[in-house]
N, C-alpha and C. Protein backbone atom coordinates (compact mmCIF):
# COMPACT_ATOMS: atom_id res chain seq x y z
N UNK A 1 97.18 21.47 41.09
CA UNK A 1 96.83 20.16 41.04
C UNK A 1 98.06 19.30 41.61
N UNK A 2 97.40 18.17 42.13
CA UNK A 2 98.31 17.15 42.60
C UNK A 2 98.30 16.00 41.61
N UNK A 3 99.36 15.31 41.62
CA UNK A 3 99.33 13.77 40.89
C UNK A 3 99.25 12.78 41.83
N UNK A 4 98.19 11.74 41.78
CA UNK A 4 98.27 10.62 42.51
C UNK A 4 99.43 9.84 42.05
N UNK A 5 99.97 9.26 43.25
CA UNK A 5 101.07 8.57 42.97
C UNK A 5 100.81 6.97 42.58
N UNK A 6 99.59 6.54 42.71
CA UNK A 6 99.18 5.25 42.36
C UNK A 6 98.76 5.11 40.82
N UNK A 7 97.87 6.01 40.37
CA UNK A 7 97.41 6.05 38.97
C UNK A 7 97.93 7.00 38.00
N UNK A 8 98.60 8.33 38.50
CA UNK A 8 99.22 9.36 37.99
C UNK A 8 98.22 10.26 37.66
N UNK A 9 96.83 10.28 37.70
CA UNK A 9 96.04 11.20 37.30
C UNK A 9 96.13 12.63 38.09
N UNK A 10 96.07 13.72 37.42
CA UNK A 10 95.86 15.06 38.09
C UNK A 10 94.71 15.03 38.65
N UNK A 11 94.72 15.62 40.10
CA UNK A 11 93.53 15.81 41.06
C UNK A 11 93.69 17.15 41.71
N UNK A 12 92.44 17.74 42.31
CA UNK A 12 92.93 18.79 43.08
C UNK A 12 93.43 18.44 44.39
N UNK A 13 92.90 17.17 45.03
CA UNK A 13 93.33 17.14 46.47
C UNK A 13 93.57 15.50 46.39
N UNK A 14 94.47 15.26 47.28
CA UNK A 14 94.69 13.63 47.60
C UNK A 14 94.21 13.71 48.91
N UNK A 15 93.05 13.09 49.00
CA UNK A 15 92.24 12.81 50.29
C UNK A 15 92.49 11.56 50.95
N UNK A 16 92.63 10.54 50.27
CA UNK A 16 92.48 9.05 50.72
C UNK A 16 94.12 8.69 51.14
N UNK A 17 93.89 7.68 52.22
CA UNK A 17 95.33 7.25 52.65
C UNK A 17 95.33 5.72 52.17
N UNK A 18 96.42 5.46 51.44
CA UNK A 18 96.48 4.31 50.78
C UNK A 18 96.80 2.93 51.97
N UNK A 19 95.95 2.09 51.79
CA UNK A 19 95.86 0.90 52.59
C UNK A 19 97.10 0.09 52.26
N UNK A 20 97.82 0.08 51.26
CA UNK A 20 99.11 -0.54 51.23
C UNK A 20 100.17 -0.26 52.00
N UNK A 21 100.20 1.23 52.42
CA UNK A 21 101.42 1.47 53.22
C UNK A 21 101.07 2.28 54.49
N UNK A 22 99.85 2.63 54.47
CA UNK A 22 99.26 3.50 55.59
C UNK A 22 100.09 4.92 55.65
N UNK A 23 100.56 5.35 54.70
CA UNK A 23 101.25 6.87 54.89
C UNK A 23 101.13 7.52 53.46
N UNK A 24 100.86 6.92 52.29
CA UNK A 24 100.85 7.52 51.04
C UNK A 24 99.50 8.11 50.84
N UNK A 25 99.38 9.29 50.47
CA UNK A 25 97.94 9.93 50.21
C UNK A 25 97.79 9.74 48.71
N UNK A 26 96.55 9.22 48.32
CA UNK A 26 96.08 8.94 47.11
C UNK A 26 94.66 9.65 46.68
N UNK A 27 94.46 9.73 45.30
CA UNK A 27 93.11 10.03 44.96
C UNK A 27 92.06 9.03 45.43
N UNK A 28 90.81 9.90 45.41
CA UNK A 28 89.73 9.18 46.17
C UNK A 28 89.36 7.95 45.24
N UNK A 29 89.37 7.81 44.09
CA UNK A 29 89.26 6.80 43.30
C UNK A 29 89.84 5.69 43.60
N UNK A 30 91.14 5.84 43.81
CA UNK A 30 92.20 4.63 44.05
C UNK A 30 91.89 4.41 45.53
N UNK A 31 91.76 5.18 46.15
CA UNK A 31 91.23 4.80 47.68
C UNK A 31 89.97 4.13 47.60
N UNK A 32 89.02 4.22 47.09
CA UNK A 32 87.67 3.36 46.80
C UNK A 32 88.06 2.00 46.30
N UNK A 33 89.01 2.14 45.28
CA UNK A 33 89.41 0.72 44.58
C UNK A 33 90.22 -0.25 45.79
N UNK A 34 91.06 0.50 46.51
CA UNK A 34 91.95 -0.13 47.56
C UNK A 34 90.76 -0.67 48.57
N UNK A 35 89.78 0.10 48.80
CA UNK A 35 88.87 -0.39 49.90
C UNK A 35 88.06 -1.56 49.40
N UNK A 36 87.54 -1.45 48.28
CA UNK A 36 86.82 -2.35 47.75
C UNK A 36 87.61 -3.80 47.49
N UNK A 37 89.04 -3.69 47.09
CA UNK A 37 89.85 -4.94 47.00
C UNK A 37 90.14 -5.70 48.30
N UNK A 38 89.98 -4.79 49.47
CA UNK A 38 90.31 -5.34 50.57
C UNK A 38 88.99 -5.96 51.14
N UNK A 39 88.03 -5.78 50.53
CA UNK A 39 86.73 -6.60 50.83
C UNK A 39 86.78 -7.90 50.37
N UNK A 40 87.49 -8.32 49.33
CA UNK A 40 87.58 -9.55 48.83
C UNK A 40 88.01 -10.71 49.90
N UNK A 41 88.73 -10.44 50.86
CA UNK A 41 89.15 -11.35 51.91
C UNK A 41 88.01 -11.69 52.91
N UNK A 42 87.04 -10.93 52.83
CA UNK A 42 85.81 -11.20 53.78
C UNK A 42 84.87 -12.00 53.15
N UNK A 43 85.14 -12.68 52.10
CA UNK A 43 84.05 -13.52 51.37
C UNK A 43 83.13 -13.06 50.67
N UNK A 44 83.09 -12.09 50.16
CA UNK A 44 82.11 -11.49 49.32
C UNK A 44 82.16 -11.79 47.88
N UNK A 45 81.09 -12.10 47.37
CA UNK A 45 81.06 -12.86 46.08
C UNK A 45 81.23 -11.51 45.19
N UNK A 46 81.80 -11.86 43.58
CA UNK A 46 81.95 -10.94 42.71
C UNK A 46 80.75 -9.85 42.54
N UNK A 47 79.51 -10.52 42.53
CA UNK A 47 78.31 -9.62 42.51
C UNK A 47 78.02 -8.68 43.74
N UNK A 48 78.70 -8.98 44.87
CA UNK A 48 78.48 -8.12 46.01
C UNK A 48 79.50 -7.01 45.77
N UNK A 49 80.58 -7.33 45.47
CA UNK A 49 81.69 -6.46 45.37
C UNK A 49 81.26 -5.32 44.02
N UNK A 50 80.70 -6.00 43.15
CA UNK A 50 80.28 -4.99 41.92
C UNK A 50 79.09 -4.11 42.60
N UNK A 51 78.23 -4.61 43.26
CA UNK A 51 77.24 -3.76 43.73
C UNK A 51 77.62 -2.75 44.63
N UNK A 52 78.68 -2.89 45.48
CA UNK A 52 79.30 -1.86 46.34
C UNK A 52 79.93 -0.98 45.44
N UNK A 53 80.73 -1.37 44.51
CA UNK A 53 81.39 -0.34 43.55
C UNK A 53 80.25 0.36 42.72
N UNK A 54 79.23 -0.12 42.26
CA UNK A 54 78.32 0.78 41.52
C UNK A 54 77.51 1.64 42.43
N UNK A 55 77.18 1.43 43.71
CA UNK A 55 76.74 2.36 44.64
C UNK A 55 77.68 3.34 45.04
N UNK A 56 79.02 3.23 44.93
CA UNK A 56 79.78 4.06 45.35
C UNK A 56 80.10 5.34 44.30
N UNK A 57 79.48 4.92 43.15
CA UNK A 57 79.60 5.91 41.99
C UNK A 57 78.64 7.13 42.18
N UNK A 58 77.56 6.74 43.03
CA UNK A 58 76.39 7.73 43.15
C UNK A 58 75.59 7.55 42.15
N UNK A 59 75.60 7.00 40.95
CA UNK A 59 75.16 7.02 39.61
C UNK A 59 73.62 6.46 39.77
N UNK A 60 72.63 7.02 40.02
CA UNK A 60 71.27 6.59 40.51
C UNK A 60 70.90 5.64 39.16
N UNK A 61 71.05 5.79 38.12
CA UNK A 61 70.64 5.04 36.65
C UNK A 61 71.48 3.75 36.83
N UNK A 62 72.79 3.80 37.28
CA UNK A 62 73.73 2.61 37.51
C UNK A 62 73.22 1.66 38.44
N UNK A 63 72.78 2.04 39.63
CA UNK A 63 72.32 1.40 40.61
C UNK A 63 71.03 0.67 40.46
N UNK A 64 69.92 1.61 39.61
CA UNK A 64 68.86 0.89 39.21
C UNK A 64 68.95 -0.10 38.37
N UNK A 65 69.77 -0.07 37.36
CA UNK A 65 70.21 -0.94 36.22
C UNK A 65 70.83 -2.13 37.01
N UNK A 66 71.52 -2.16 37.77
CA UNK A 66 72.48 -3.24 38.62
C UNK A 66 71.11 -4.09 39.37
N UNK A 67 70.41 -3.31 39.98
CA UNK A 67 69.32 -3.76 40.85
C UNK A 67 68.25 -4.88 40.08
N UNK A 68 67.89 -4.25 38.71
CA UNK A 68 67.03 -4.50 37.74
C UNK A 68 67.58 -6.00 37.13
N UNK A 69 69.00 -5.92 36.87
CA UNK A 69 69.57 -6.99 36.50
C UNK A 69 69.90 -8.26 37.25
N UNK A 70 70.29 -7.80 38.78
CA UNK A 70 70.49 -8.99 39.60
C UNK A 70 69.56 -9.28 40.52
N UNK A 71 68.50 -8.45 40.99
CA UNK A 71 67.48 -8.75 41.70
C UNK A 71 66.22 -8.89 41.53
């Protein structure tokens, strides 16, 4: 097991490259959050950012619930 330098969680593999320095390997969840945070500069609304985050989980129920709530 390896420890993610960003969140400190123990994970099997560090597969994501941190966008903050382009050299530190971090866990997938932290990598996803950094990617979503970088989208805020492109003018996405909070609703659009949340939709991307919900879809990234792969949880069908959460996606259906989000769509039923906002669309």
